[in-house]
C-alpha atoms as a PDB file:
ATOM      1  CA  MET A   1      18.101 -24.193   9.306  1.00  0.00           C
ATOM      2  CA  ASP A   2      18.193 -22.276  12.581  1.00  0.00           C
ATOM      3  CA  GLU A   3      21.518 -20.548  11.940  1.00  0.00           C
ATOM      4  CA  TYR A   4      23.317 -19.386   8.833  1.00  0.00           C
ATOM      5  CA  ARG A   5      26.764 -18.277   7.777  1.00  0.00           C
ATOM      6  CA  ILE A   6      26.758 -14.940   5.983  1.00  0.00           C
ATOM      7  CA  GLU A   7      26.790 -16.520   2.508  1.00  0.00           C
ATOM      8  CA  GLU A   8      23.919 -18.842   3.443  1.00  0.00           C
ATOM      9  CA  LEU A   9      21.870 -15.994   4.896  1.00  0.00           C
ATOM     10  CA  ALA A  10      22.411 -13.856   1.784  1.00  0.00           C
ATOM     11  CA  ARG A  11      21.310 -16.754  -0.430  1.00  0.00           C
ATOM     12  CA  GLU A  12      18.178 -17.422   1.650  1.00  0.00           C
ATOM     13  CA  ALA A  13      17.247 -13.731   1.665  1.00  0.00           C
ATOM     14  CA  GLY A  14      17.998 -13.271  -2.037  1.00  0.00           C
ATOM     15  CA  VAL A  15      20.457 -10.413  -1.557  1.00  0.00           C
ATOM     16  CA  PRO A  16      24.176 -10.122  -2.354  1.00  0.00           C
ATOM     17  CA  VAL A  17      26.611 -10.550   0.525  1.00  0.00           C
ATOM     18  CA  ARG A  18      27.836  -6.986  -0.014  1.00  0.00           C
ATOM     19  CA  THR A  19      24.272  -5.710   0.481  1.00  0.00           C
ATOM     20  CA  LEU A  20      23.991  -7.693   3.692  1.00  0.00           C
ATOM     21  CA  ARG A  21      27.269  -6.181   4.940  1.00  0.00           C
ATOM     22  CA  TYR A  22      26.038  -2.717   3.993  1.00  0.00           C
ATOM     23  CA  TYR A  23      22.868  -3.257   6.042  1.00  0.00           C
ATOM     24  CA  GLN A  24      25.060  -4.247   8.976  1.00  0.00           C
ATOM     25  CA  GLU A  25      27.142  -1.094   8.593  1.00  0.00           C
ATOM     26  CA  ARG A  26      23.958   0.979   8.705  1.00  0.00           C
ATOM     27  CA  ARG A  27      22.742  -1.047  11.706  1.00  0.00           C
ATOM     28  CA  LEU A  28      19.681  -2.226   9.837  1.00  0.00           C
ATOM     29  CA  LEU A  29      20.752  -5.746  10.743  1.00  0.00           C
ATOM     30  CA  PRO A  30      21.879  -6.768  14.261  1.00  0.00           C
ATOM     31  CA  PRO A  31      25.368  -8.301  14.571  1.00  0.00           C
ATOM     32  CA  PRO A  32      25.620 -12.104  14.370  1.00  0.00           C
ATOM     33  CA  ARG A  33      26.477 -14.485  17.161  1.00  0.00           C
ATOM     34  CA  ARG A  34      30.222 -15.003  17.099  1.00  0.00           C
ATOM     35  CA  GLN A  35      31.813 -18.403  17.452  1.00  0.00           C
ATOM     36  CA  GLY A  36      35.515 -17.965  16.963  1.00  0.00           C
ATOM     37  CA  ARG A  37      35.989 -16.201  13.644  1.00  0.00           C
ATOM     38  CA  VAL A  38      32.612 -17.322  12.281  1.00  0.00           C
ATOM     39  CA  GLY A  39      29.478 -15.200  12.539  1.00  0.00           C
ATOM     40  CA  TRP A  40      26.209 -17.105  12.879  1.00  0.00           C
ATOM     41  CA  TYR A  41      22.910 -15.500  11.839  1.00  0.00           C
ATOM     42  CA  SER A  42      19.499 -16.600  13.099  1.00  0.00           C
ATOM     43  CA  ARG A  43      15.986 -16.854  11.634  1.00  0.00           C
ATOM     44  CA  ALA A  44      15.366 -13.422  13.140  1.00  0.00           C
ATOM     45  CA  HIS A  45      18.070 -12.000  10.871  1.00  0.00           C
ATOM     46  CA  LEU A  46      16.417 -13.649   7.867  1.00  0.00           C
ATOM     47  CA  GLU A  47      12.997 -12.249   8.784  1.00  0.00           C
ATOM     48  CA  ARG A  48      14.544  -8.803   9.245  1.00  0.00           C
ATOM     49  CA  LEU A  49      16.040  -8.962   5.745  1.00  0.00           C
ATOM     50  CA  ARG A  50      12.710 -10.052   4.259  1.00  0.00           C
ATOM     51  CA  LEU A  51      10.969  -7.197   6.046  1.00  0.00           C
ATOM     52  CA  ILE A  52      13.489  -4.698   4.670  1.00  0.00           C
ATOM     53  CA  ALA A  53      12.856  -6.071   1.169  1.00  0.00           C
ATOM     54  CA  ARG A  54       9.076  -5.663   1.568  1.00  0.00           C
ATOM     55  CA  LEU A  55       9.429  -2.113   2.824  1.00  0.00           C
ATOM     56  CA  LEU A  56      11.729  -1.229  -0.080  1.00  0.00           C
ATOM     57  CA  GLU A  57       9.173  -2.660  -2.519  1.00  0.00           C
ATOM     58  CA  ARG A  58       6.532  -0.444  -0.930  1.00  0.00           C
ATOM     59  CA  GLY A  59       8.600   2.675  -1.596  1.00  0.00           C
ATOM     60  CA  TYR A  60      10.326   3.179   1.766  1.00  0.00           C
ATOM     61  CA  ARG A  61      13.805   4.710   1.660  1.00  0.00           C
ATOM     62  CA  LEU A  62      16.642   3.144   3.617  1.00  0.00           C
ATOM     63  CA  ASP A  63      16.894   6.094   5.995  1.00  0.00           C
ATOM     64  CA  GLY A  64      13.168   5.753   6.774  1.00  0.00           C
ATOM     65  CA  ILE A  65      13.532   1.993   7.262  1.00  0.00           C
ATOM     66  CA  GLU A  66      16.497   2.646   9.550  1.00  0.00           C
ATOM     67  CA  GLU A  67      14.377   4.926  11.756  1.00  0.00           C
ATOM     68  CA  LEU A  68      11.510   2.411  11.879  1.00  0.00           C
ATOM     69  CA  LEU A  69      13.756  -0.482  12.816  1.00  0.00           C
ATOM     70  CA  ALA A  70      15.585   1.565  15.444  1.00  0.00           C
ATOM     71  CA  ALA A  71      12.261   2.499  17.016  1.00  0.00           C
ATOM     72  CA  ALA A  72      11.084  -1.099  16.758  1.00  0.00           C
ATOM     73  CA  ASP A  73      14.123  -2.301  18.685  1.00  0.00           C
ATOM     74  CA  GLU A  74      13.197   0.088  21.505  1.00  0.00           C
ATOM     75  CA  GLY A  75       9.489  -0.603  21.904  1.00  0.00           C
ATOM     76  CA  ARG A  76       6.686  -3.016  21.093  1.00  0.00           C
ATOM     77  CA  GLU A  77       4.310  -0.551  19.434  1.00  0.00           C
ATOM     78  CA  VAL A  78       6.437   0.089  16.341  1.00  0.00           C
ATOM     79  CA  THR A  79       7.373  -3.578  16.232  1.00  0.00           C
ATOM     80  CA  GLU A  80       3.672  -4.372  15.902  1.00  0.00           C
ATOM     81  CA  LEU A  81       3.322  -1.923  13.039  1.00  0.00           C
ATOM     82  CA  LEU A  82       6.299  -3.469  11.282  1.00  0.00           C
ATOM     83  CA  GLY A  83       4.845  -6.911  11.847  1.00  0.00           C
ATOM     84  CA  LEU A  84       1.630  -5.842  10.160  1.00  0.00           C
ATOM     85  CA  ALA A  85       3.603  -4.348   7.271  1.00  0.00           C
ATOM     86  CA  ALA A  86       5.458  -7.627   6.863  1.00  0.00           C
ATOM     87  CA  ALA A  87       2.213  -9.597   7.053  1.00  0.00           C
ATOM     88  CA  ALA A  88       0.530  -7.507   4.402  1.00  0.00           C
ATOM     89  CA  GLY A  89       2.696  -9.050   1.674  1.00  0.00           C
ATOM     90  CA  GLU A  90       1.189  -7.995  -1.644  1.00  0.00           C
ATOM     91  CA  PRO A  91      -0.457  -4.555  -1.736  1.00  0.00           C
ATOM     92  CA  TRP A  92      -4.221  -4.498  -1.214  1.00  0.00           C
ATOM     93  CA  ALA A  93      -4.786  -2.249  -4.227  1.00  0.00           C
ATOM     94  CA  GLU A  94      -5.062  -4.411  -7.336  1.00  0.00           C
ATOM     95  CA  GLY A  95      -4.644  -1.773 -10.030  1.00  0.00           C
ATOM     96  CA  ARG A  96      -1.344  -1.794 -11.905  1.00  0.00           C
ATOM     97  CA  PRO A  97       0.510   1.331 -13.076  1.00  0.00           C
ATOM     98  CA  ALA A  98       0.238   2.467 -16.685  1.00  0.00           C
ATOM     99  CA  ALA A  99       2.363   4.980 -18.580  1.00  0.00           C
ATOM    100  CA  LEU A 100       0.619   7.199 -21.146  1.00  0.00           C
ATOM    101  CA  THR A 101       1.751  10.016 -23.390  1.00  0.00           C
ATOM    102  CA  ALA A 102       0.074  13.421 -23.491  1.00  0.00           C
ATOM    103  CA  GLU A 103      -1.464  12.460 -26.831  1.00  0.00           C
ATOM    104  CA  GLU A 104      -2.953   9.283 -25.352  1.00  0.00           C
ATOM    105  CA  LEU A 105      -4.473  11.232 -22.466  1.00  0.00           C
ATOM    106  CA  ASP A 106      -5.898  13.766 -24.892  1.00  0.00           C
ATOM    107  CA  GLY A 107      -7.476  10.867 -26.752  1.00  0.00           C
ATOM    108  CA  LEU A 108      -9.159   9.706 -23.566  1.00  0.00           C
ATOM    109  CA  PHE A 109     -10.186  13.027 -22.036  1.00  0.00           C
ATOM    110  CA  GLY A 110      -9.716  15.671 -24.708  1.00  0.00           C
ATOM    111  CA  ARG A 111      -9.425  19.229 -23.446  1.00  0.00           C
ATOM    112  CA  GLN A 112     -10.726  18.249 -20.010  1.00  0.00           C
ATOM    113  CA  PHE A 113      -7.258  17.136 -18.905  1.00  0.00           C
ATOM    114  CA  THR A 114      -5.970  20.630 -18.115  1.00  0.00           C
ATOM    115  CA  PRO A 115      -2.729  21.522 -16.271  1.00  0.00           C
ATOM    116  CA  GLU A 116      -4.889  22.433 -13.269  1.00  0.00           C
ATOM    117  CA  LEU A 117      -6.521  18.990 -13.171  1.00  0.00           C
ATOM    118  CA  LEU A 118      -3.147  17.341 -13.773  1.00  0.00           C
ATOM    119  CA  ALA A 119      -1.804  19.066 -10.648  1.00  0.00           C
ATOM    120  CA  GLU A 120      -4.844  17.858  -8.707  1.00  0.00           C
ATOM    121  CA  ALA A 121      -4.402  14.281  -9.946  1.00  0.00           C
ATOM    122  CA  VAL A 122      -0.728  14.413  -8.922  1.00  0.00           C
ATOM    123  CA  GLU A 123      -1.697  15.630  -5.445  1.00  0.00           C
ATOM    124  CA  LEU A 124      -4.193  12.790  -5.127  1.00  0.00           C
ATOM    125  CA  GLY A 125      -1.432  10.335  -6.003  1.00  0.00           C
ATOM    126  CA  TYR A 126      -3.175   9.157  -9.163  1.00  0.00           C
ATOM    127  CA  VAL A 127      -0.536  10.453 -11.601  1.00  0.00           C
ATOM    128  CA  ARG A 128       3.157  11.237 -11.615  1.00  0.00           C
ATOM    129  CA  VAL A 129       5.150  12.741 -14.477  1.00  0.00           C
ATOM    130  CA  GLU A 130       8.316  10.927 -15.561  1.00  0.00           C
ATOM    131  CA  ASP A 131      10.409  11.790 -18.619  1.00  0.00           C
ATOM    132  CA  GLY A 132       7.529  13.459 -20.421  1.00  0.00           C
ATOM    133  CA  ARG A 133       5.143  10.569 -19.817  1.00  0.00           C
ATOM    134  CA  TYR A 134       2.262  10.322 -17.376  1.00  0.00           C
ATOM    135  CA  VAL A 135       2.446   7.304 -15.060  1.00  0.00           C
ATOM    136  CA  LEU A 136      -0.984   6.503 -13.661  1.00  0.00           C
ATOM    137  CA  SER A 137      -0.993   4.601 -10.373  1.00  0.00           C
ATOM    138  CA  SER A 138      -3.926   2.319 -11.218  1.00  0.00           C
ATOM    139  CA  THR A 139      -5.282   1.003 -14.507  1.00  0.00           C
ATOM    140  CA  ARG A 140      -8.546   0.164 -12.679  1.00  0.00           C
ATOM    141  CA  LEU A 141      -9.038   3.779 -11.636  1.00  0.00           C
ATOM    142  CA  LEU A 142      -8.126   4.956 -15.142  1.00  0.00           C
ATOM    143  CA  GLU A 143     -10.701   2.638 -16.735  1.00  0.00           C
ATOM    144  CA  ALA A 144     -13.382   3.707 -14.256  1.00  0.00           C
ATOM    145  CA  THR A 145     -12.619   7.384 -14.854  1.00  0.00           C
ATOM    146  CA  VAL A 146     -12.793   6.936 -18.625  1.00  0.00           C
ATOM    147  CA  GLU A 147     -16.187   5.212 -18.324  1.00  0.00           C
ATOM    148  CA  LEU A 148     -17.558   8.000 -16.099  1.00  0.00           C
ATOM    149  CA  VAL A 149     -16.354  10.714 -18.491  1.00  0.00           C
ATOM    150  CA  ARG A 150     -17.805   8.879 -21.481  1.00  0.00           C
ATOM    151  CA  ALA A 151     -21.111   8.633 -19.605  1.00  0.00           C
ATOM    152  CA  GLY A 152     -21.166  12.415 -19.283  1.00  0.00           C
ATOM    153  CA  VAL A 153     -19.534  13.118 -15.905  1.00  0.00           C
ATOM    154  CA  PRO A 154     -16.952  15.921 -16.226  1.00  0.00           C
ATOM    155  CA  LEU A 155     -13.399  14.947 -15.299  1.00  0.00           C
ATOM    156  CA  ARG A 156     -13.306  17.853 -12.850  1.00  0.00           C
ATOM    157  CA  SER A 157     -16.287  16.363 -10.991  1.00  0.00           C
ATOM    158  CA  VAL A 158     -14.710  12.897 -10.933  1.00  0.00           C
ATOM    159  CA  LEU A 159     -11.613  14.304  -9.238  1.00  0.00           C
ATOM    160  CA  ALA A 160     -13.726  16.295  -6.788  1.00  0.00           C
ATOM    161  CA  VAL A 161     -15.521  13.120  -5.710  1.00  0.00           C
ATOM    162  CA  SER A 162     -12.181  11.325  -5.507  1.00  0.00           C
ATOM    163  CA  TRP A 163     -11.144  13.580  -2.631  1.00  0.00           C
ATOM    164  CA  GLU A 164     -14.283  12.549  -0.749  1.00  0.00           C
ATOM    165  CA  LEU A 165     -13.672   8.862  -1.472  1.00  0.00           C
ATOM    166  CA  GLU A 166     -10.037   9.052  -0.386  1.00  0.00           C
ATOM    167  CA  ALA A 167     -11.077  10.558   2.952  1.00  0.00           C
ATOM    168  CA  ALA A 168     -13.914   8.062   3.486  1.00  0.00           C
ATOM    169  CA  PHE A 169     -11.792   5.015   2.687  1.00  0.00           C
ATOM    170  CA  ASP A 170      -8.935   6.339   4.805  1.00  0.00           C
ATOM    171  CA  ARG A 171     -11.322   6.362   7.770  1.00  0.00           C
ATOM    172  CA  MET A 172     -12.491   2.840   6.968  1.00  0.00           C
ATOM    173  CA  ALA A 173      -8.920   1.555   6.564  1.00  0.00           C
ATOM    174  CA  PHE A 174      -7.981   3.119   9.886  1.00  0.00           C
ATOM    175  CA  ALA A 175     -10.868   1.350  11.625  1.00  0.00           C
ATOM    176  CA  VAL A 176      -9.935  -2.032  10.123  1.00  0.00           C
ATOM    177  CA  PHE A 177      -6.259  -1.477  10.902  1.00  0.00           C
ATOM    178  CA  GLN A 178      -7.099  -0.742  14.524  1.00  0.00           C
ATOM    179  CA  LEU A 179      -9.028  -4.021  14.723  1.00  0.00           C
ATOM    180  CA  ALA A 180      -6.066  -5.936  13.317  1.00  0.00           C
ATOM    181  CA  ARG A 181      -3.588  -4.153  15.527  1.00  0.00           C
ATOM    182  CA  THR A 182      -5.656  -4.807  18.654  1.00  0.00           C
ATOM    183  CA  HIS A 183      -6.723  -8.395  18.033  1.00  0.00           C
ATOM    184  CA  LEU A 184      -4.443 -10.036  15.450  1.00  0.00           C
ATOM    185  CA  VAL A 185      -0.883  -8.909  16.173  1.00  0.00           C
ATOM    186  CA  ASP A 186      -0.263 -11.714  18.639  1.00  0.00           C
ATOM    187  CA  SER A 187      -1.848 -14.420  16.472  1.00  0.00           C
ATOM    188  CA  GLY A 188       0.387 -17.390  15.804  1.00  0.00           C
ATOM    189  CA  ASP A 189       0.683 -16.876  12.027  1.00  0.00           C
ATOM    190  CA  LEU A 190      -0.069 -13.239  11.289  1.00  0.00           C
ATOM    191  CA  PRO A 191       0.739 -13.334   7.532  1.00  0.00           C
ATOM    192  CA  ALA A 192      -1.613 -16.289   7.002  1.00  0.00           C
ATOM    193  CA  THR A 193      -4.323 -14.619   9.094  1.00  0.00           C
ATOM    194  CA  VAL A 194      -4.120 -11.360   7.130  1.00  0.00           C
ATOM    195  CA  SER A 195      -4.138 -13.255   3.827  1.00  0.00           C
ATOM    196  CA  ARG A 196      -7.213 -15.230   4.872  1.00  0.00           C
ATOM    197  CA  LEU A 197      -9.103 -12.145   6.054  1.00  0.00           C
ATOM    198  CA  LYS A 198      -8.275  -9.907   3.069  1.00  0.00           C
ATOM    199  CA  PRO A 199     -11.253 -11.098   0.931  1.00  0.00           C
ATOM    200  CA  VAL A 200     -13.482 -10.873   4.018  1.00  0.00           C
ATOM    201  CA  VAL A 201     -12.570  -7.210   4.549  1.00  0.00           C
ATOM    202  CA  ARG A 202     -13.153  -6.493   0.858  1.00  0.00           C
ATOM    203  CA  ALA A 203     -16.577  -8.164   1.004  1.00  0.00           C
ATOM    204  CA  VAL A 204     -17.543  -6.145   4.094  1.00  0.00           C
ATOM    205  CA  ALA A 205     -16.453  -2.895   2.435  1.00  0.00           C
ATOM    206  CA  ASP A 206     -18.387  -3.723  -0.730  1.00  0.00           C
ATOM    207  CA  GLU A 207     -21.529  -4.644   1.236  1.00  0.00           C
ATOM    208  CA  HIS A 208     -21.428  -1.497   3.341  1.00  0.00           C
ATOM    209  CA  PHE A 209     -21.032   0.660   0.241  1.00  0.00           C
ATOM    210  CA  GLY A 210     -23.945  -1.137  -1.412  1.00  0.00           C
ATOM    211  CA  ARG A 211     -26.141  -0.597   1.646  1.00  0.00           C
ATOM    212  CA  ALA A 212     -25.206   3.085   1.714  1.00  0.00           C
ATOM    213  CA  MET A 213     -26.089   3.479  -1.970  1.00  0.00           C
ATOM    214  CA  ASP A 214     -29.443   1.753  -1.384  1.00  0.00           C
ATOM    215  CA  ARG A 215     -30.220   4.210   1.423  1.00  0.00           C
ATOM    216  CA  ARG A 216     -29.290   7.190  -0.759  1.00  0.00           C
ATOM    217  CA  ILE A 217     -31.455   5.975  -3.637  1.00  0.00           C
ATOM    218  CA  ARG A 218     -34.433   5.366  -1.358  1.00  0.00           C
ATOM    219  CA  ALA A 219     -34.034   8.808   0.194  1.00  0.00           C
ATOM    220  CA  GLU A 220     -33.948  10.423  -3.233  1.00  0.00           C
ATOM    221  CA  LEU A 221     -37.024   8.520  -4.380  1.00  0.00           C
ATOM    222  CA  GLU A 222     -38.884   9.575  -1.249  1.00  0.00           C
ATOM    223  CA  ARG A 223     -37.834  13.184  -1.781  1.00  0.00           C
ATOM    224  CA  ARG A 224     -39.066  13.189  -5.363  1.00  0.00           C
ATOM    225  CA  SER A 225     -42.332  11.472  -4.577  1.00  0.00           C
ATOM    226  CA  GLY A 226     -43.091  13.615  -1.535  1.00  0.00           C
ATOM    227  CA  PRO A 227     -45.684  16.422  -1.288  1.00  0.00           C
ATOM    228  CA  GLY A 228     -45.370  19.138  -3.856  1.00  0.00           C
END
């Protein structure tokens, strides 16, 4: 279908009609084309609703979405950013949240999980406290941290390195994002392109990290086997 009545659009987008009307009141959704007393909505309206849903799933608030969409309607640059957000679909991070009690965390880390380190983990975005439970953002990061601590690395040191990793991967993500923004925004099927390239980007990141580790190990071996 190229055009929809309001009930048809709501059904296609998977939202109640009252929600659709509310979005119109907040100007998140442009007005329909009027033909007599009937309002006709286009595919662009449907894509806008799907984009709003994706942004809500990613934690955006409606007032923030309203500002983004208003800016997008005024210029191409923000529209490109929104297009990339829509194309991203599922989050790139694969770890799922996990909720643990204080006793469960003590069982994993003992006395190492101090209030000071809790505050640091919260600032990193790894943990949030809800109703007396600790919600960890990623089970994969939790499992890796547990393995490192069991191997003898202090939890404090793991968090210290995490700051370095966050900064390094932020720089890498920015570089990849700039490539996509420059060369892929105008591609015919951006969501399909991003989906196809996601494993490629992961493979490149993994290979570069492996090469960097190889260089570090060789440098350390040379240092230890050098004169003196």
